[in-house]
Amino acid sequence: MHPKEFIDRHVRQLLLADGYSDEATHLACKEAVSHYEKTSGFRKGAVFSECLRVAKRMAKLIQKKQRQQARAEKKNGKVAA
């Protein structure tokens, strides 16, 4: 298994277990893999934990944005899909 596949699979599994939405998980996994590709050096043994940290931060931001949009749609009388 390639490291990118490992990061994607395991980050996705952990984020879904933490209760993040599918969309937030998908975008956060892309961000984790992107971080892996961009970063030239990691602390010894900290590659996965660093990518997971970046993914969780992204997932939290996306969940927050989704909740804000849902509240705004509810306030304006629109039905969320």
Protein backbone atom coordinates (compact mmCIF):
# COMPACT_ATOMS: atom_id res chain seq x y z
CA MET A 1 0.00 0.00 0.00
CA HIS A 2 1.34 3.39 -0.96
CA PRO A 3 1.73 5.93 1.88
CA LYS A 4 -0.88 8.24 0.29
CA GLU A 5 -3.41 5.41 0.23
CA PHE A 6 -2.58 4.54 3.84
CA ILE A 7 -3.08 8.12 4.99
CA ASP A 8 -6.33 8.50 3.05
CA ARG A 9 -7.83 5.22 4.25
CA HIS A 10 -6.92 5.55 7.92
CA VAL A 11 -7.69 9.26 8.25
CA ARG A 12 -11.10 8.65 6.63
CA GLN A 13 -11.79 5.78 9.03
CA LEU A 14 -10.88 7.84 12.11
CA LEU A 15 -12.83 10.93 11.05
CA LEU A 16 -15.97 8.93 10.27
CA ALA A 17 -15.65 7.22 13.65
CA ASP A 18 -15.46 10.68 15.27
CA GLY A 19 -18.79 11.60 13.64
CA TYR A 20 -17.74 13.98 10.88
CA SER A 21 -19.93 14.17 7.77
CA ASP A 22 -18.97 12.39 4.55
CA GLU A 23 -18.26 15.65 2.75
CA ALA A 24 -16.09 16.99 5.58
CA THR A 25 -14.24 13.68 5.76
CA HIS A 26 -13.61 13.59 2.02
CA LEU A 27 -12.21 17.12 1.90
CA ALA A 28 -10.15 16.59 5.05
CA CYS A 29 -8.58 13.43 3.59
CA LYS A 30 -7.63 15.32 0.46
CA GLU A 31 -6.03 17.97 2.65
CA ALA A 32 -4.10 15.34 4.66
CA VAL A 33 -2.69 13.76 1.50
CA SER A 34 -1.86 17.19 0.11
CA HIS A 35 -0.03 18.03 3.34
CA TYR A 36 1.94 14.78 3.03
CA GLU A 37 2.92 15.66 -0.54
CA LYS A 38 3.91 19.25 0.27
CA THR A 39 5.89 18.65 3.44
CA SER A 40 9.50 17.71 2.83
CA GLY A 41 10.33 16.57 6.33
CA PHE A 42 8.41 15.26 9.32
CA ARG A 43 9.54 14.52 12.84
CA LYS A 44 10.70 10.96 13.20
CA GLY A 45 7.64 8.68 13.38
CA ALA A 46 5.15 11.54 13.19
CA VAL A 47 4.03 11.45 9.56
CA PHE A 48 0.58 9.98 10.17
CA SER A 49 -0.15 11.94 13.34
CA GLU A 50 0.80 15.20 11.60
CA CYS A 51 -1.46 14.43 8.62
CA LEU A 52 -4.29 13.43 10.97
CA ARG A 53 -3.91 16.71 12.87
CA VAL A 54 -4.23 18.68 9.64
CA ALA A 55 -7.24 16.60 8.56
CA LYS A 56 -9.07 17.08 11.88
CA ARG A 57 -8.51 20.81 11.74
CA MET A 58 -9.95 20.93 8.21
CA ALA A 59 -12.90 18.70 9.13
CA LYS A 60 -13.79 20.94 12.09
CA LEU A 61 -13.78 24.02 9.86
CA ILE A 62 -15.97 22.33 7.26
CA GLN A 63 -18.44 21.03 9.87
CA LYS A 64 -18.67 24.52 11.36
CA LYS A 65 -19.34 26.04 7.93
CA GLN A 66 -21.99 23.40 7.17
CA ARG A 67 -23.78 24.11 10.48
CA GLN A 68 -23.71 27.86 9.80
CA GLN A 69 -25.19 27.33 6.33
CA ALA A 70 -27.89 25.04 7.72
CA ARG A 71 -28.83 27.64 10.35
CA ALA A 72 -28.92 30.40 7.74
CA GLU A 73 -31.14 28.32 5.45
CA LYS A 74 -33.44 27.48 8.35
CA LYS A 75 -33.60 31.12 9.33
CA ASN A 76 -34.46 32.17 5.77
CA GLY A 77 -37.15 29.49 5.51
CA LYS A 78 -35.34 27.22 3.11
CA VAL A 79 -35.34 23.48 3.65
CA ALA A 80 -31.89 21.90 3.88
CA ALA A 81 -31.34 18.99 1.50
